[in-house]
Amino acid sequence: MKAYVVPERCISCGLCIGMCGSVFDFNEDGKSEAVGEVTNDNAEDAKAAARGCPTEAIIIE
């Protein structure tokens, strides 16, 4: 699986990073971005971050 963050929707709240720091981190612009792979070990946390994103900026496919 792969994670994506739609930068135009990201409000830099950091929820995704707090929930799944192995997949998400802030970029140079202060927006979240996917920096790691979604694996069997972190898939549930990555999916929970996507569900919890207040602007629905995270896509996992």
C-alpha atoms as a PDB file:
ATOM      1  CA  MET A   1       0.000   0.000   0.000  1.00  0.00           C
ATOM      2  CA  LYS A   2       1.013   3.567  -0.597  1.00  0.00           C
ATOM      3  CA  ALA A   3       0.053   6.735   1.282  1.00  0.00           C
ATOM      4  CA  TYR A   4      -0.398  10.174  -0.254  1.00  0.00           C
ATOM      5  CA  VAL A   5      -1.152  13.574   1.262  1.00  0.00           C
ATOM      6  CA  VAL A   6      -3.020  16.155  -0.817  1.00  0.00           C
ATOM      7  CA  PRO A   7      -1.010  19.298   0.035  1.00  0.00           C
ATOM      8  CA  GLU A   8      -3.842  21.694  -0.788  1.00  0.00           C
ATOM      9  CA  ARG A   9      -6.007  20.039   1.865  1.00  0.00           C
ATOM     10  CA  CYS A  10      -3.340  19.696   4.581  1.00  0.00           C
ATOM     11  CA  ILE A  11      -3.676  22.185   7.459  1.00  0.00           C
ATOM     12  CA  SER A  12      -0.463  21.036   9.207  1.00  0.00           C
ATOM     13  CA  CYS A  13      -2.260  19.820  12.330  1.00  0.00           C
ATOM     14  CA  GLY A  14       0.235  16.954  12.779  1.00  0.00           C
ATOM     15  CA  LEU A  15      -2.362  14.316  13.677  1.00  0.00           C
ATOM     16  CA  CYS A  16      -1.041  11.900  11.049  1.00  0.00           C
ATOM     17  CA  ILE A  17       2.532  12.323  12.225  1.00  0.00           C
ATOM     18  CA  GLY A  18       1.507  11.711  15.817  1.00  0.00           C
ATOM     19  CA  MET A  19      -0.426   8.598  14.868  1.00  0.00           C
ATOM     20  CA  CYS A  20       2.004   7.146  12.339  1.00  0.00           C
ATOM     21  CA  GLY A  21       5.376   8.877  12.288  1.00  0.00           C
ATOM     22  CA  SER A  22       6.915   6.010  10.338  1.00  0.00           C
ATOM     23  CA  VAL A  23       4.838   7.017   7.293  1.00  0.00           C
ATOM     24  CA  PHE A  24       4.157  10.756   7.705  1.00  0.00           C
ATOM     25  CA  ASP A  25       6.365  13.770   8.414  1.00  0.00           C
ATOM     26  CA  PHE A  26       6.362  17.523   7.772  1.00  0.00           C
ATOM     27  CA  ASN A  27       7.971  18.744   4.555  1.00  0.00           C
ATOM     28  CA  GLU A  28       9.869  22.017   3.943  1.00  0.00           C
ATOM     29  CA  ASP A  29       6.570  23.879   3.532  1.00  0.00           C
ATOM     30  CA  GLY A  30       5.271  22.704   6.898  1.00  0.00           C
ATOM     31  CA  LYS A  31       2.723  20.381   5.313  1.00  0.00           C
ATOM     32  CA  SER A  32       2.486  16.680   5.999  1.00  0.00           C
ATOM     33  CA  GLU A  33       3.751  14.272   3.400  1.00  0.00           C
ATOM     34  CA  ALA A  34       4.153  10.526   3.122  1.00  0.00           C
ATOM     35  CA  VAL A  35       7.817   9.692   3.623  1.00  0.00           C
ATOM     36  CA  GLY A  36       7.659   5.984   4.385  1.00  0.00           C
ATOM     37  CA  GLU A  37       6.000   2.870   3.070  1.00  0.00           C
ATOM     38  CA  VAL A  38       2.763   1.503   4.459  1.00  0.00           C
ATOM     39  CA  THR A  39       3.702  -1.972   5.676  1.00  0.00           C
ATOM     40  CA  ASN A  40       1.928  -4.758   7.530  1.00  0.00           C
ATOM     41  CA  ASP A  41       3.383  -3.388  10.769  1.00  0.00           C
ATOM     42  CA  ASN A  42       2.068   0.174  10.386  1.00  0.00           C
ATOM     43  CA  ALA A  43      -0.957  -0.218   8.095  1.00  0.00           C
ATOM     44  CA  GLU A  44      -3.544   0.057  10.868  1.00  0.00           C
ATOM     45  CA  ASP A  45      -1.930   3.231  12.232  1.00  0.00           C
ATOM     46  CA  ALA A  46      -1.694   4.749   8.733  1.00  0.00           C
ATOM     47  CA  LYS A  47      -5.345   3.946   8.026  1.00  0.00           C
ATOM     48  CA  ALA A  48      -6.374   5.395  11.398  1.00  0.00           C
ATOM     49  CA  ALA A  49      -4.458   8.585  10.558  1.00  0.00           C
ATOM     50  CA  ALA A  50      -6.297   8.810   7.232  1.00  0.00           C
ATOM     51  CA  ARG A  51      -9.667   8.330   8.947  1.00  0.00           C
ATOM     52  CA  GLY A  52      -8.776  10.905  11.590  1.00  0.00           C
ATOM     53  CA  CYS A  53      -7.474  13.586   9.238  1.00  0.00           C
ATOM     54  CA  PRO A  54      -9.797  16.571   9.749  1.00  0.00           C
ATOM     55  CA  THR A  55      -9.552  17.658   6.108  1.00  0.00           C
ATOM     56  CA  GLU A  56      -9.473  14.175   4.517  1.00  0.00           C
ATOM     57  CA  ALA A  57      -6.094  14.993   2.979  1.00  0.00           C
ATOM     58  CA  ILE A  58      -4.696  11.465   3.276  1.00  0.00           C
ATOM     59  CA  ILE A  59      -5.221   8.798   0.641  1.00  0.00           C
ATOM     60  CA  ILE A  60      -4.091   5.219   1.177  1.00  0.00           C
ATOM     61  CA  GLU A  61      -4.291   2.802  -1.721  1.00  0.00           C
END
